[in-house]
Amino acid sequence: REVGGDIVQKGDDQIIVTPTGVTVGRE
């Protein structure tokens, strides 16, 4: 939130955190 990035959880075992201006596609 602070950097304007993104965060998603992939399954039960992984988290992907991105910086400013980078989003993770949900499809």
PDB file of all heavy atoms in Angstrom:
ATOM      1  N   ARG A   1       0.831  -1.208   0.000  1.00  0.00           N
ATOM      2  CA  ARG A   1       0.000   0.000   0.000  1.00  0.00           C
ATOM      3  C   ARG A   1       0.867   1.261   0.000  1.00  0.00           C
ATOM      4  O   ARG A   1       0.615   2.198  -0.752  1.00  0.00           O
ATOM      5  CB  ARG A   1      -0.891   0.013   1.246  1.00  0.00           C
ATOM      6  CG  ARG A   1      -2.359  -0.026   0.928  1.00  0.00           C
ATOM      7  CD  ARG A   1      -3.227   0.063   2.174  1.00  0.00           C
ATOM      8  NE  ARG A   1      -3.708  -1.276   2.491  1.00  0.00           N
ATOM      9  CZ  ARG A   1      -3.457  -1.946   3.605  1.00  0.00           C
ATOM     10  NH1 ARG A   1      -2.738  -1.403   4.558  1.00  0.00           N
ATOM     11  NH2 ARG A   1      -3.926  -3.156   3.791  1.00  0.00           N
ATOM     12  N   GLU A   2       1.891   1.276   0.855  1.00  0.00           N
ATOM     13  CA  GLU A   2       2.753   2.454   0.987  1.00  0.00           C
ATOM     14  C   GLU A   2       3.477   2.802  -0.306  1.00  0.00           C
ATOM     15  O   GLU A   2       3.646   3.977  -0.626  1.00  0.00           O
ATOM     16  CB  GLU A   2       3.785   2.239   2.095  1.00  0.00           C
ATOM     17  CG  GLU A   2       3.213   2.303   3.490  1.00  0.00           C
ATOM     18  CD  GLU A   2       4.238   1.963   4.566  1.00  0.00           C
ATOM     19  OE1 GLU A   2       5.427   1.766   4.240  1.00  0.00           O
ATOM     20  OE2 GLU A   2       3.848   1.898   5.740  1.00  0.00           O
ATOM     21  N   VAL A   3       3.921   1.779  -1.039  1.00  0.00           N
ATOM     22  CA  VAL A   3       4.678   2.052  -2.257  1.00  0.00           C
ATOM     23  C   VAL A   3       3.791   2.109  -3.498  1.00  0.00           C
ATOM     24  O   VAL A   3       4.271   2.403  -4.585  1.00  0.00           O
ATOM     25  CB  VAL A   3       5.809   1.010  -2.477  1.00  0.00           C
ATOM     26  CG1 VAL A   3       6.782   1.026  -1.321  1.00  0.00           C
ATOM     27  CG2 VAL A   3       5.258  -0.377  -2.737  1.00  0.00           C
ATOM     28  N   GLY A   4       2.509   1.801  -3.359  1.00  0.00           N
ATOM     29  CA  GLY A   4       1.618   1.787  -4.522  1.00  0.00           C
ATOM     30  C   GLY A   4       1.838   0.572  -5.379  1.00  0.00           C
ATOM     31  O   GLY A   4       1.641   0.601  -6.587  1.00  0.00           O
ATOM     32  N   GLY A   5       2.235  -0.520  -4.743  1.00  0.00           N
ATOM     33  CA  GLY A   5       2.474  -1.777  -5.457  1.00  0.00           C
ATOM     34  C   GLY A   5       1.286  -2.712  -5.344  1.00  0.00           C
ATOM     35  O   GLY A   5       0.147  -2.274  -5.281  1.00  0.00           O
ATOM     36  N   ASP A   6       1.566  -3.994  -5.272  1.00  0.00           N
ATOM     37  CA  ASP A   6       0.515  -5.007  -5.255  1.00  0.00           C
ATOM     38  C   ASP A   6       0.988  -6.184  -4.405  1.00  0.00           C
ATOM     39  O   ASP A   6       2.191  -6.386  -4.220  1.00  0.00           O
ATOM     40  CB  ASP A   6       0.239  -5.472  -6.691  1.00  0.00           C
ATOM     41  CG  ASP A   6      -1.093  -6.184  -6.854  1.00  0.00           C
ATOM     42  OD1 ASP A   6      -1.875  -6.272  -5.880  1.00  0.00           O
ATOM     43  OD2 ASP A   6      -1.356  -6.676  -7.968  1.00  0.00           O
ATOM     44  N   ILE A   7       0.043  -6.965  -3.916  1.00  0.00           N
ATOM     45  CA  ILE A   7       0.367  -8.181  -3.184  1.00  0.00           C
ATOM     46  C   ILE A   7      -0.720  -9.211  -3.471  1.00  0.00           C
ATOM     47  O   ILE A   7      -1.908  -8.863  -3.489  1.00  0.00           O
ATOM     48  CB  ILE A   7       0.500  -7.923  -1.660  1.00  0.00           C
ATOM     49  CG1 ILE A   7       0.893  -9.218  -0.926  1.00  0.00           C
ATOM     50  CG2 ILE A   7      -0.761  -7.318  -1.096  1.00  0.00           C
ATOM     51  CD1 ILE A   7       1.287  -9.004   0.523  1.00  0.00           C
ATOM     52  N   VAL A   8      -0.298 -10.422  -3.769  1.00  0.00           N
ATOM     53  CA  VAL A   8      -1.238 -11.518  -3.988  1.00  0.00           C
ATOM     54  C   VAL A   8      -0.692 -12.779  -3.322  1.00  0.00           C
ATOM     55  O   VAL A   8       0.515 -12.926  -3.148  1.00  0.00           O
ATOM     56  CB  VAL A   8      -1.489 -11.814  -5.487  1.00  0.00           C
ATOM     57  CG1 VAL A   8      -2.160 -10.648  -6.175  1.00  0.00           C
ATOM     58  CG2 VAL A   8      -0.223 -12.203  -6.201  1.00  0.00           C
ATOM     59  N   GLN A   9      -1.615 -13.658  -2.982  1.00  0.00           N
ATOM     60  CA  GLN A   9      -1.206 -14.952  -2.457  1.00  0.00           C
ATOM     61  C   GLN A   9      -1.493 -15.977  -3.532  1.00  0.00           C
ATOM     62  O   GLN A   9      -2.599 -16.059  -4.055  1.00  0.00           O
ATOM     63  CB  GLN A   9      -1.962 -15.292  -1.172  1.00  0.00           C
ATOM     64  CG  GLN A   9      -1.510 -16.599  -0.572  1.00  0.00           C
ATOM     65  CD  GLN A   9      -2.047 -16.826   0.833  1.00  0.00           C
ATOM     66  OE1 GLN A   9      -2.571 -15.914   1.466  1.00  0.00           O
ATOM     67  NE2 GLN A   9      -1.898 -18.039   1.312  1.00  0.00           N
ATOM     68  N   LYS A  10      -0.482 -16.767  -3.870  1.00  0.00           N
ATOM     69  CA  LYS A  10      -0.611 -17.817  -4.875  1.00  0.00           C
ATOM     70  C   LYS A  10      -0.733 -19.143  -4.132  1.00  0.00           C
ATOM     71  O   LYS A  10       0.225 -19.626  -3.547  1.00  0.00           O
ATOM     72  CB  LYS A  10       0.604 -17.841  -5.791  1.00  0.00           C
ATOM     73  CG  LYS A  10       0.532 -18.887  -6.865  1.00  0.00           C
ATOM     74  CD  LYS A  10       1.889 -19.035  -7.516  1.00  0.00           C
ATOM     75  CE  LYS A  10       2.004 -20.314  -8.281  1.00  0.00           C
ATOM     76  NZ  LYS A  10       1.998 -21.509  -7.459  1.00  0.00           N
ATOM     77  N   GLY A  11      -1.931 -19.690  -4.137  1.00  0.00           N
ATOM     78  CA  GLY A  11      -2.155 -20.932  -3.415  1.00  0.00           C
ATOM     79  C   GLY A  11      -1.955 -20.732  -1.924  1.00  0.00           C
ATOM     80  O   GLY A  11      -2.122 -19.642  -1.390  1.00  0.00           O
ATOM     81  N   ASP A  12      -1.583 -21.798  -1.255  1.00  0.00           N
ATOM     82  CA  ASP A  12      -1.355 -21.734   0.180  1.00  0.00           C
ATOM     83  C   ASP A  12       0.098 -21.481   0.529  1.00  0.00           C
ATOM     84  O   ASP A  12       0.430 -21.366   1.707  1.00  0.00           O
ATOM     85  CB  ASP A  12      -1.768 -23.055   0.842  1.00  0.00           C
ATOM     86  CG  ASP A  12      -3.264 -23.268   0.819  1.00  0.00           C
ATOM     87  OD1 ASP A  12      -4.000 -22.267   0.779  1.00  0.00           O
ATOM     88  OD2 ASP A  12      -3.686 -24.438   0.836  1.00  0.00           O
ATOM     89  N   ASP A  13       0.952 -21.434  -0.495  1.00  0.00           N
ATOM     90  CA  ASP A  13       2.371 -21.447  -0.166  1.00  0.00           C
ATOM     91  C   ASP A  13       3.199 -20.280  -0.662  1.00  0.00           C
ATOM     92  O   ASP A  13       4.373 -20.198  -0.342  1.00  0.00           O
ATOM     93  CB  ASP A  13       2.999 -22.747  -0.650  1.00  0.00           C
ATOM     94  CG  ASP A  13       2.878 -22.942  -2.152  1.00  0.00           C
ATOM     95  OD1 ASP A  13       2.106 -22.215  -2.792  1.00  0.00           O
ATOM     96  OD2 ASP A  13       3.559 -23.828  -2.677  1.00  0.00           O
ATOM     97  N   GLN A  14       2.632 -19.336  -1.401  1.00  0.00           N
ATOM     98  CA  GLN A  14       3.455 -18.237  -1.905  1.00  0.00           C
ATOM     99  C   GLN A  14       2.746 -16.899  -1.866  1.00  0.00           C
ATOM    100  O   GLN A  14       1.538 -16.807  -2.047  1.00  0.00           O
ATOM    101  CB  GLN A  14       3.894 -18.513  -3.342  1.00  0.00           C
ATOM    102  CG  GLN A  14       4.855 -19.662  -3.424  1.00  0.00           C
ATOM    103  CD  GLN A  14       5.352 -19.880  -4.835  1.00  0.00           C
ATOM    104  OE1 GLN A  14       4.687 -19.531  -5.790  1.00  0.00           O
ATOM    105  NE2 GLN A  14       6.528 -20.460  -4.945  1.00  0.00           N
ATOM    106  N   ILE A  15       3.566 -15.866  -1.643  1.00  0.00           N
ATOM    107  CA  ILE A  15       3.113 -14.479  -1.664  1.00  0.00           C
ATOM    108  C   ILE A  15       3.981 -13.756  -2.696  1.00  0.00           C
ATOM    109  O   ILE A  15       5.193 -13.960  -2.748  1.00  0.00           O
ATOM    110  CB  ILE A  15       3.326 -13.802  -0.285  1.00  0.00           C
ATOM    111  CG1 ILE A  15       2.520 -14.498   0.793  1.00  0.00           C
ATOM    112  CG2 ILE A  15       3.004 -12.319  -0.334  1.00  0.00           C
ATOM    113  CD1 ILE A  15       1.039 -14.317   0.683  1.00  0.00           C
ATOM    114  N   ILE A  16       3.346 -12.930  -3.512  1.00  0.00           N
ATOM    115  CA  ILE A  16       4.085 -12.104  -4.468  1.00  0.00           C
ATOM    116  C   ILE A  16       3.827 -10.651  -4.087  1.00  0.00           C
ATOM    117  O   ILE A  16       2.675 -10.230  -3.987  1.00  0.00           O
ATOM    118  CB  ILE A  16       3.636 -12.376  -5.920  1.00  0.00           C
ATOM    119  CG1 ILE A  16       3.831 -13.851  -6.262  1.00  0.00           C
ATOM    120  CG2 ILE A  16       4.391 -11.462  -6.895  1.00  0.00           C
ATOM    121  CD1 ILE A  16       3.209 -14.266  -7.574  1.00  0.00           C
ATOM    122  N   VAL A  17       4.908  -9.898  -3.846  1.00  0.00           N
ATOM    123  CA  VAL A  17       4.806  -8.490  -3.467  1.00  0.00           C
ATOM    124  C   VAL A  17       5.547  -7.683  -4.519  1.00  0.00           C
ATOM    125  O   VAL A  17       6.691  -7.996  -4.850  1.00  0.00           O
ATOM    126  CB  VAL A  17       5.432  -8.227  -2.072  1.00  0.00           C
ATOM    127  CG1 VAL A  17       5.134  -6.800  -1.633  1.00  0.00           C
ATOM    128  CG2 VAL A  17       4.940  -9.224  -1.040  1.00  0.00           C
ATOM    129  N   THR A  18       4.868  -6.646  -5.035  1.00  0.00           N
ATOM    130  CA  THR A  18       5.465  -5.851  -6.104  1.00  0.00           C
ATOM    131  C   THR A  18       5.618  -4.391  -5.677  1.00  0.00           C
ATOM    132  O   THR A  18       4.890  -3.912  -4.812  1.00  0.00           O
ATOM    133  CB  THR A  18       4.611  -5.912  -7.383  1.00  0.00           C
ATOM    134  OG1 THR A  18       3.360  -5.254  -7.151  1.00  0.00           O
ATOM    135  CG2 THR A  18       4.370  -7.338  -7.822  1.00  0.00           C
ATOM    136  N   PRO A  19       6.533  -3.672  -6.321  1.00  0.00           N
ATOM    137  CA  PRO A  19       6.759  -2.256  -5.998  1.00  0.00           C
ATOM    138  C   PRO A  19       5.827  -1.332  -6.777  1.00  0.00           C
ATOM    139  O   PRO A  19       4.925  -1.783  -7.490  1.00  0.00           O
ATOM    140  CB  PRO A  19       8.210  -2.059  -6.439  1.00  0.00           C
ATOM    141  CG  PRO A  19       8.334  -2.957  -7.622  1.00  0.00           C
ATOM    142  CD  PRO A  19       7.506  -4.171  -7.272  1.00  0.00           C
ATOM    143  N   THR A  20       6.101  -0.063  -6.671  1.00  0.00           N
ATOM    144  CA  THR A  20       5.345   0.990  -7.344  1.00  0.00           C
ATOM    145  C   THR A  20       5.155   0.688  -8.825  1.00  0.00           C
ATOM    146  O   THR A  20       6.105   0.341  -9.527  1.00  0.00           O
ATOM    147  CB  THR A  20       6.104   2.332  -7.219  1.00  0.00           C
ATOM    148  OG1 THR A  20       6.372   2.570  -5.854  1.00  0.00           O
ATOM    149  CG2 THR A  20       5.313   3.476  -7.814  1.00  0.00           C
ATOM    150  N   GLY A  21       3.915   0.815  -9.285  1.00  0.00           N
ATOM    151  CA  GLY A  21       3.628   0.696 -10.705  1.00  0.00           C
ATOM    152  C   GLY A  21       3.607  -0.718 -11.253  1.00  0.00           C
ATOM    153  O   GLY A  21       3.460  -0.893 -12.463  1.00  0.00           O
ATOM    154  N   VAL A  22       3.730  -1.731 -10.410  1.00  0.00           N
ATOM    155  CA  VAL A  22       3.711  -3.123 -10.893  1.00  0.00           C
ATOM    156  C   VAL A  22       2.533  -3.825 -10.247  1.00  0.00           C
ATOM    157  O   VAL A  22       2.380  -3.810  -9.028  1.00  0.00           O
ATOM    158  CB  VAL A  22       5.015  -3.874 -10.536  1.00  0.00           C
ATOM    159  CG1 VAL A  22       4.945  -5.307 -11.011  1.00  0.00           C
ATOM    160  CG2 VAL A  22       6.218  -3.166 -11.123  1.00  0.00           C
ATOM    161  N   THR A  23       1.673  -4.408 -11.071  1.00  0.00           N
ATOM    162  CA  THR A  23       0.560  -5.187 -10.544  1.00  0.00           C
ATOM    163  C   THR A  23       0.682  -6.628 -11.000  1.00  0.00           C
ATOM    164  O   THR A  23       1.353  -6.910 -11.992  1.00  0.00           O
ATOM    165  CB  THR A  23      -0.801  -4.637 -11.018  1.00  0.00           C
ATOM    166  OG1 THR A  23      -0.842  -4.677 -12.443  1.00  0.00           O
ATOM    167  CG2 THR A  23      -1.034  -3.220 -10.546  1.00  0.00           C
ATOM    168  N   VAL A  24       0.036  -7.510 -10.278  1.00  0.00           N
ATOM    169  CA  VAL A  24       0.037  -8.930 -10.617  1.00  0.00           C
ATOM    170  C   VAL A  24      -1.330  -9.231 -11.230  1.00  0.00           C
ATOM    171  O   VAL A  24      -2.373  -8.939 -10.615  1.00  0.00           O
ATOM    172  CB  VAL A  24       0.254  -9.810  -9.369  1.00  0.00           C
ATOM    173  CG1 VAL A  24       0.201 -11.276  -9.744  1.00  0.00           C
ATOM    174  CG2 VAL A  24       1.587  -9.471  -8.721  1.00  0.00           C
ATOM    175  N   GLY A  25      -1.332  -9.794 -12.443  1.00  0.00           N
ATOM    176  CA  GLY A  25      -2.583 -10.162 -13.093  1.00  0.00           C
ATOM    177  C   GLY A  25      -3.302 -11.232 -12.293  1.00  0.00           C
ATOM    178  O   GLY A  25      -2.686 -12.159 -11.773  1.00  0.00           O
ATOM    179  N   ARG A  26      -4.605 -11.124 -12.200  1.00  0.00           N
ATOM    180  CA  ARG A  26      -5.385 -12.070 -11.417  1.00  0.00           C
ATOM    181  C   ARG A  26      -5.913 -13.232 -12.253  1.00  0.00           C
ATOM    182  O   ARG A  26      -6.531 -14.139 -11.735  1.00  0.00           O
ATOM    183  CB  ARG A  26      -6.567 -11.395 -10.747  1.00  0.00           C
ATOM    184  CG  ARG A  26      -6.304 -10.290  -9.688  1.00  0.00           C
ATOM    185  CD  ARG A  26      -5.067 -10.470  -8.896  1.00  0.00           C
ATOM    186  NE  ARG A  26      -5.046  -9.713  -7.662  1.00  0.00           N
ATOM    187  CZ  ARG A  26      -4.207  -8.735  -7.395  1.00  0.00           C
ATOM    188  NH1 ARG A  26      -3.326  -8.344  -8.293  1.00  0.00           N
ATOM    189  NH2 ARG A  26      -4.215  -8.143  -6.220  1.00  0.00           N
ATOM    190  N   GLU A  27      -5.644 -13.200 -13.551  1.00  0.00           N
ATOM    191  CA  GLU A  27      -6.091 -14.279 -14.424  1.00  0.00           C
ATOM    192  C   GLU A  27      -4.885 -14.975 -15.046  1.00  0.00           C
ATOM    193  O   GLU A  27      -3.901 -14.327 -15.389  1.00  0.00           O
ATOM    194  CB  GLU A  27      -6.986 -13.729 -15.541  1.00  0.00           C
ATOM    195  CG  GLU A  27      -8.285 -13.145 -15.016  1.00  0.00           C
ATOM    196  CD  GLU A  27      -9.157 -12.614 -16.142  1.00  0.00           C
ATOM    197  OE1 GLU A  27      -8.993 -13.077 -17.297  1.00  0.00           O
ATOM    198  OE2 GLU A  27      -9.978 -11.730 -15.862  1.00  0.00           O
TER     199      GLU A  27
END
